[in-house]
Amino acid sequence: TEQPAPDYVPGHGLLAGRTVVVTAAAGAGIG
């Protein structure tokens, strides 16, 4: 039985101060 997705989790500053590079980042998916 399909279960609903959980609520979106707010940020907690886990990557504060870091510079991140992401490939394939402009679509509508995981990137």
PDB file of all heavy atoms in Angstrom:
ATOM      1  N   THR A   1       0.851  -1.181   0.000  1.00  0.00           N
ATOM      2  CA  THR A   1       0.000   0.000   0.000  1.00  0.00           C
ATOM      3  C   THR A   1       0.887   1.231   0.000  1.00  0.00           C
ATOM      4  O   THR A   1       1.816   1.345   0.798  1.00  0.00           O
ATOM      5  CB  THR A   1      -0.890   0.025   1.256  1.00  0.00           C
ATOM      6  OG1 THR A   1      -1.703  -1.143   1.250  1.00  0.00           O
ATOM      7  CG2 THR A   1      -1.771   1.263   1.256  1.00  0.00           C
ATOM      8  N   GLU A   2       0.612   2.142  -0.914  1.00  0.00           N
ATOM      9  CA  GLU A   2       1.439   3.337  -1.027  1.00  0.00           C
ATOM     10  C   GLU A   2       1.229   4.238   0.179  1.00  0.00           C
ATOM     11  O   GLU A   2       0.104   4.632   0.496  1.00  0.00           O
ATOM     12  CB  GLU A   2       1.115   4.104  -2.306  1.00  0.00           C
ATOM     13  CG  GLU A   2       2.006   5.314  -2.526  1.00  0.00           C
ATOM     14  CD  GLU A   2       1.849   5.930  -3.895  1.00  0.00           C
ATOM     15  OE1 GLU A   2       1.206   5.295  -4.758  1.00  0.00           O
ATOM     16  OE2 GLU A   2       2.359   7.040  -4.105  1.00  0.00           O
ATOM     17  N   GLN A   3       2.312   4.571   0.850  1.00  0.00           N
ATOM     18  CA  GLN A   3       2.254   5.436   2.017  1.00  0.00           C
ATOM     19  C   GLN A   3       2.627   6.852   1.622  1.00  0.00           C
ATOM     20  O   GLN A   3       3.433   7.057   0.717  1.00  0.00           O
ATOM     21  CB  GLN A   3       3.193   4.924   3.111  1.00  0.00           C
ATOM     22  CG  GLN A   3       2.857   3.524   3.604  1.00  0.00           C
ATOM     23  CD  GLN A   3       3.764   3.090   4.739  1.00  0.00           C
ATOM     24  OE1 GLN A   3       4.306   3.913   5.471  1.00  0.00           O
ATOM     25  NE2 GLN A   3       3.918   1.789   4.900  1.00  0.00           N
ATOM     26  N   PRO A   4       2.073   7.854   2.276  1.00  0.00           N
ATOM     27  CA  PRO A   4       2.394   9.244   1.927  1.00  0.00           C
ATOM     28  C   PRO A   4       3.835   9.587   2.269  1.00  0.00           C
ATOM     29  O   PRO A   4       4.424   9.014   3.200  1.00  0.00           O
ATOM     30  CB  PRO A   4       1.413  10.056   2.776  1.00  0.00           C
ATOM     31  CG  PRO A   4       1.092   9.164   3.931  1.00  0.00           C
ATOM     32  CD  PRO A   4       1.096   7.765   3.373  1.00  0.00           C
ATOM     33  N   ALA A   5       4.407  10.529   1.519  1.00  0.00           N
ATOM     34  CA  ALA A   5       5.751  10.999   1.827  1.00  0.00           C
ATOM     35  C   ALA A   5       5.732  11.787   3.128  1.00  0.00           C
ATOM     36  O   ALA A   5       4.719  12.405   3.475  1.00  0.00           O
ATOM     37  CB  ALA A   5       6.270  11.878   0.693  1.00  0.00           C
ATOM     38  N   PRO A   6       6.826  11.775   3.877  1.00  0.00           N
ATOM     39  CA  PRO A   6       6.875  12.538   5.131  1.00  0.00           C
ATOM     40  C   PRO A   6       6.957  14.032   4.871  1.00  0.00           C
ATOM     41  O   PRO A   6       7.162  14.478   3.737  1.00  0.00           O
ATOM     42  CB  PRO A   6       8.158  12.020   5.786  1.00  0.00           C
ATOM     43  CG  PRO A   6       9.018  11.615   4.631  1.00  0.00           C
ATOM     44  CD  PRO A   6       8.073  11.065   3.596  1.00  0.00           C
ATOM     45  N   ASP A   7       6.808  14.807   5.924  1.00  0.00           N
ATOM     46  CA  ASP A   7       6.939  16.259   5.802  1.00  0.00           C
ATOM     47  C   ASP A   7       8.388  16.616   5.491  1.00  0.00           C
ATOM     48  O   ASP A   7       9.329  15.934   5.911  1.00  0.00           O
ATOM     49  CB  ASP A   7       6.522  16.944   7.110  1.00  0.00           C
ATOM     50  CG  ASP A   7       5.026  16.793   7.390  1.00  0.00           C
ATOM     51  OD1 ASP A   7       4.271  16.583   6.422  1.00  0.00           O
ATOM     52  OD2 ASP A   7       4.640  16.861   8.565  1.00  0.00           O
ATOM     53  N   TYR A   8       8.538  17.707   4.762  1.00  0.00           N
ATOM     54  CA  TYR A   8       9.868  18.210   4.417  1.00  0.00           C
ATOM     55  C   TYR A   8      10.601  18.626   5.690  1.00  0.00           C
ATOM     56  O   TYR A   8      10.025  19.252   6.579  1.00  0.00           O
ATOM     57  CB  TYR A   8       9.730  19.408   3.479  1.00  0.00           C
ATOM     58  CG  TYR A   8      10.983  19.804   2.755  1.00  0.00           C
ATOM     59  CD1 TYR A   8      11.421  19.087   1.646  1.00  0.00           C
ATOM     60  CD2 TYR A   8      11.727  20.913   3.147  1.00  0.00           C
ATOM     61  CE1 TYR A   8      12.562  19.461   0.956  1.00  0.00           C
ATOM     62  CE2 TYR A   8      12.871  21.295   2.469  1.00  0.00           C
ATOM     63  CZ  TYR A   8      13.282  20.568   1.372  1.00  0.00           C
ATOM     64  OH  TYR A   8      14.415  20.938   0.691  1.00  0.00           O
ATOM     65  N   VAL A   9      11.870  18.260   5.794  1.00  0.00           N
ATOM     66  CA  VAL A   9      12.648  18.544   6.998  1.00  0.00           C
ATOM     67  C   VAL A   9      13.406  19.862   6.831  1.00  0.00           C
ATOM     68  O   VAL A   9      14.136  20.034   5.856  1.00  0.00           O
ATOM     69  CB  VAL A   9      13.655  17.397   7.262  1.00  0.00           C
ATOM     70  CG1 VAL A   9      14.456  17.670   8.528  1.00  0.00           C
ATOM     71  CG2 VAL A   9      12.926  16.065   7.362  1.00  0.00           C
ATOM     72  N   PRO A  10      13.275  20.792   7.759  1.00  0.00           N
ATOM     73  CA  PRO A  10      14.000  22.067   7.638  1.00  0.00           C
ATOM     74  C   PRO A  10      15.492  21.881   7.846  1.00  0.00           C
ATOM     75  O   PRO A  10      15.941  20.886   8.417  1.00  0.00           O
ATOM     76  CB  PRO A  10      13.382  22.920   8.752  1.00  0.00           C
ATOM     77  CG  PRO A  10      12.899  21.936   9.761  1.00  0.00           C
ATOM     78  CD  PRO A  10      12.429  20.744   8.966  1.00  0.00           C
ATOM     79  N   GLY A  11      16.269  22.859   7.394  1.00  0.00           N
ATOM     80  CA  GLY A  11      17.716  22.792   7.536  1.00  0.00           C
ATOM     81  C   GLY A  11      18.177  23.025   8.961  1.00  0.00           C
ATOM     82  O   GLY A  11      17.496  23.669   9.758  1.00  0.00           O
ATOM     83  N   HIS A  12      19.368  22.491   9.273  1.00  0.00           N
ATOM     84  CA  HIS A  12      19.946  22.629  10.605  1.00  0.00           C
ATOM     85  C   HIS A  12      21.406  23.101  10.552  1.00  0.00           C
ATOM     86  O   HIS A  12      22.164  22.870  11.489  1.00  0.00           O
ATOM     87  CB  HIS A  12      19.861  21.297  11.359  1.00  0.00           C
ATOM     88  CG  HIS A  12      18.473  20.903  11.729  1.00  0.00           C
ATOM     89  ND1 HIS A  12      17.606  20.287  10.836  1.00  0.00           N
ATOM     90  CD2 HIS A  12      17.785  21.051  12.891  1.00  0.00           C
ATOM     91  CE1 HIS A  12      16.455  20.064  11.448  1.00  0.00           C
ATOM     92  NE2 HIS A  12      16.531  20.506  12.677  1.00  0.00           N
ATOM     93  N   GLY A  13      21.807  23.725   9.452  1.00  0.00           N
ATOM     94  CA  GLY A  13      23.155  24.267   9.365  1.00  0.00           C
ATOM     95  C   GLY A  13      24.255  23.231   9.261  1.00  0.00           C
ATOM     96  O   GLY A  13      25.403  23.488   9.638  1.00  0.00           O
ATOM     97  N   LEU A  14      23.942  22.048   8.710  1.00  0.00           N
ATOM     98  CA  LEU A  14      24.926  20.970   8.669  1.00  0.00           C
ATOM     99  C   LEU A  14      26.110  21.264   7.750  1.00  0.00           C
ATOM    100  O   LEU A  14      27.177  20.664   7.902  1.00  0.00           O
ATOM    101  CB  LEU A  14      24.256  19.663   8.236  1.00  0.00           C
ATOM    102  CG  LEU A  14      23.154  19.113   9.139  1.00  0.00           C
ATOM    103  CD1 LEU A  14      22.662  17.766   8.608  1.00  0.00           C
ATOM    104  CD2 LEU A  14      23.649  18.967  10.567  1.00  0.00           C
ATOM    105  N   LEU A  15      25.922  22.163   6.780  1.00  0.00           N
ATOM    106  CA  LEU A  15      27.003  22.461   5.835  1.00  0.00           C
ATOM    107  C   LEU A  15      27.444  23.915   5.931  1.00  0.00           C
ATOM    108  O   LEU A  15      27.955  24.488   4.968  1.00  0.00           O
ATOM    109  CB  LEU A  15      26.559  22.137   4.403  1.00  0.00           C
ATOM    110  CG  LEU A  15      26.178  20.683   4.140  1.00  0.00           C
ATOM    111  CD1 LEU A  15      25.764  20.498   2.682  1.00  0.00           C
ATOM    112  CD2 LEU A  15      27.320  19.734   4.475  1.00  0.00           C
ATOM    113  N   ALA A  16      27.259  24.508   7.092  1.00  0.00           N
ATOM    114  CA  ALA A  16      27.596  25.916   7.283  1.00  0.00           C
ATOM    115  C   ALA A  16      29.045  26.196   6.895  1.00  0.00           C
ATOM    116  O   ALA A  16      29.966  25.493   7.312  1.00  0.00           O
ATOM    117  CB  ALA A  16      27.360  26.301   8.737  1.00  0.00           C
ATOM    118  N   GLY A  17      29.228  27.216   6.058  1.00  0.00           N
ATOM    119  CA  GLY A  17      30.558  27.660   5.681  1.00  0.00           C
ATOM    120  C   GLY A  17      31.239  26.850   4.607  1.00  0.00           C
ATOM    121  O   GLY A  17      32.384  27.137   4.245  1.00  0.00           O
ATOM    122  N   ARG A  18      30.569  25.859   4.047  1.00  0.00           N
ATOM    123  CA  ARG A  18      31.210  25.002   3.047  1.00  0.00           C
ATOM    124  C   ARG A  18      30.773  25.374   1.633  1.00  0.00           C
ATOM    125  O   ARG A  18      29.643  25.800   1.409  1.00  0.00           O
ATOM    126  CB  ARG A  18      30.890  23.527   3.320  1.00  0.00           C
ATOM    127  CG  ARG A  18      31.352  23.069   4.683  1.00  0.00           C
ATOM    128  CD  ARG A  18      31.218  21.586   4.852  1.00  0.00           C
ATOM    129  NE  ARG A  18      31.503  21.192   6.232  1.00  0.00           N
ATOM    130  CZ  ARG A  18      31.536  19.939   6.644  1.00  0.00           C
ATOM    131  NH1 ARG A  18      31.296  18.949   5.792  1.00  0.00           N
ATOM    132  NH2 ARG A  18      31.798  19.657   7.903  1.00  0.00           N
ATOM    133  N   THR A  19      31.688  25.171   0.711  1.00  0.00           N
ATOM    134  CA  THR A  19      31.394  25.408  -0.704  1.00  0.00           C
ATOM    135  C   THR A  19      31.154  24.060  -1.368  1.00  0.00           C
ATOM    136  O   THR A  19      31.991  23.154  -1.284  1.00  0.00           O
ATOM    137  CB  THR A  19      32.557  26.138  -1.397  1.00  0.00           C
ATOM    138  OG1 THR A  19      32.724  27.420  -0.769  1.00  0.00           O
ATOM    139  CG2 THR A  19      32.271  26.330  -2.874  1.00  0.00           C
ATOM    140  N   VAL A  20      30.016  23.948  -2.038  1.00  0.00           N
ATOM    141  CA  VAL A  20      29.574  22.673  -2.608  1.00  0.00           C
ATOM    142  C   VAL A  20      29.495  22.799  -4.131  1.00  0.00           C
ATOM    143  O   VAL A  20      29.029  23.812  -4.654  1.00  0.00           O
ATOM    144  CB  VAL A  20      28.189  22.277  -2.056  1.00  0.00           C
ATOM    145  CG1 VAL A  20      27.767  20.911  -2.591  1.00  0.00           C
ATOM    146  CG2 VAL A  20      28.192  22.276  -0.528  1.00  0.00           C
ATOM    147  N   VAL A  21      29.925  21.782  -4.828  1.00  0.00           N
ATOM    148  CA  VAL A  21      29.802  21.700  -6.284  1.00  0.00           C
ATOM    149  C   VAL A  21      28.924  20.496  -6.605  1.00  0.00           C
ATOM    150  O   VAL A  21      29.134  19.405  -6.071  1.00  0.00           O
ATOM    151  CB  VAL A  21      31.180  21.554  -6.962  1.00  0.00           C
ATOM    152  CG1 VAL A  21      31.021  21.390  -8.469  1.00  0.00           C
ATOM    153  CG2 VAL A  21      32.064  22.760  -6.639  1.00  0.00           C
ATOM    154  N   VAL A  22      27.931  20.695  -7.480  1.00  0.00           N
ATOM    155  CA  VAL A  22      26.986  19.631  -7.826  1.00  0.00           C
ATOM    156  C   VAL A  22      26.887  19.507  -9.339  1.00  0.00           C
ATOM    157  O   VAL A  22      26.649  20.506 -10.033  1.00  0.00           O
ATOM    158  CB  VAL A  22      25.580  19.909  -7.254  1.00  0.00           C
ATOM    159  CG1 VAL A  22      24.654  18.717  -7.524  1.00  0.00           C
ATOM    160  CG2 VAL A  22      25.641  20.201  -5.758  1.00  0.00           C
ATOM    161  N   THR A  23      27.052  18.307  -9.867  1.00  0.00           N
ATOM    162  CA  THR A  23      26.884  18.094 -11.307  1.00  0.00           C
ATOM    163  C   THR A  23      25.453  17.662 -11.612  1.00  0.00           C
ATOM    164  O   THR A  23      24.736  17.168 -10.745  1.00  0.00           O
ATOM    165  CB  THR A  23      27.856  17.030 -11.831  1.00  0.00           C
ATOM    166  OG1 THR A  23      27.579  15.763 -11.216  1.00  0.00           O
ATOM    167  CG2 THR A  23      29.301  17.426 -11.563  1.00  0.00           C
ATOM    168  N   ALA A  24      25.041  17.861 -12.876  1.00  0.00           N
ATOM    169  CA  ALA A  24      23.668  17.555 -13.309  1.00  0.00           C
ATOM    170  C   ALA A  24      22.675  18.163 -12.332  1.00  0.00           C
ATOM    171  O   ALA A  24      21.797  17.497 -11.803  1.00  0.00           O
ATOM    172  CB  ALA A  24      23.453  16.055 -13.458  1.00  0.00           C
ATOM    173  N   ALA A  25      22.822  19.479 -12.117  1.00  0.00           N
ATOM    174  CA  ALA A  25      22.132  20.148 -11.016  1.00  0.00           C
ATOM    175  C   ALA A  25      20.960  21.011 -11.436  1.00  0.00           C
ATOM    176  O   ALA A  25      20.312  21.611 -10.580  1.00  0.00           O
ATOM    177  CB  ALA A  25      23.134  21.014 -10.253  1.00  0.00           C
ATOM    178  N   ALA A  26      20.662  21.089 -12.729  1.00  0.00           N
ATOM    179  CA  ALA A  26      19.672  22.068 -13.186  1.00  0.00           C
ATOM    180  C   ALA A  26      18.338  21.457 -13.588  1.00  0.00           C
ATOM    181  O   ALA A  26      17.473  22.170 -14.090  1.00  0.00           O
ATOM    182  CB  ALA A  26      20.244  22.872 -14.360  1.00  0.00           C
ATOM    183  N   GLY A  27      18.155  20.174 -13.380  1.00  0.00           N
ATOM    184  CA  GLY A  27      16.891  19.560 -13.762  1.00  0.00           C
ATOM    185  C   GLY A  27      15.873  19.630 -12.634  1.00  0.00           C
ATOM    186  O   GLY A  27      15.886  20.541 -11.813  1.00  0.00           O
ATOM    187  N   ALA A  28      15.014  18.622 -12.594  1.00  0.00           N
ATOM    188  CA  ALA A  28      13.983  18.577 -11.551  1.00  0.00           C
ATOM    189  C   ALA A  28      14.177  17.384 -10.630  1.00  0.00           C
ATOM    190  O   ALA A  28      13.284  17.036  -9.879  1.00  0.00           O
ATOM    191  CB  ALA A  28      12.602  18.497 -12.203  1.00  0.00           C
ATOM    192  N   GLY A  29      15.347  16.761 -10.693  1.00  0.00           N
ATOM    193  CA  GLY A  29      15.563  15.528  -9.959  1.00  0.00           C
ATOM    194  C   GLY A  29      16.473  15.671  -8.761  1.00  0.00           C
ATOM    195  O   GLY A  29      16.458  16.682  -8.052  1.00  0.00           O
ATOM    196  N   ILE A  30      17.304  14.651  -8.538  1.00  0.00           N
ATOM    197  CA  ILE A  30      18.127  14.571  -7.341  1.00  0.00           C
ATOM    198  C   ILE A  30      19.155  15.704  -7.287  1.00  0.00           C
ATOM    199  O   ILE A  30      19.407  16.270  -6.217  1.00  0.00           O
ATOM    200  CB  ILE A  30      18.818  13.201  -7.275  1.00  0.00           C
ATOM    201  CG1 ILE A  30      17.768  12.092  -7.094  1.00  0.00           C
ATOM    202  CG2 ILE A  30      19.838  13.157  -6.135  1.00  0.00           C
ATOM    203  CD1 ILE A  30      18.323  10.687  -7.236  1.00  0.00           C
ATOM    204  N   GLY A  31      19.742  16.060  -8.422  1.00  0.00           N
ATOM    205  CA  GLY A  31      20.756  17.115  -8.426  1.00  0.00           C
ATOM    206  C   GLY A  31      20.231  18.447  -7.945  1.00  0.00           C
ATOM    207  O   GLY A  31      20.844  19.112  -7.102  1.00  0.00           O
TER     208      GLY A  31
END
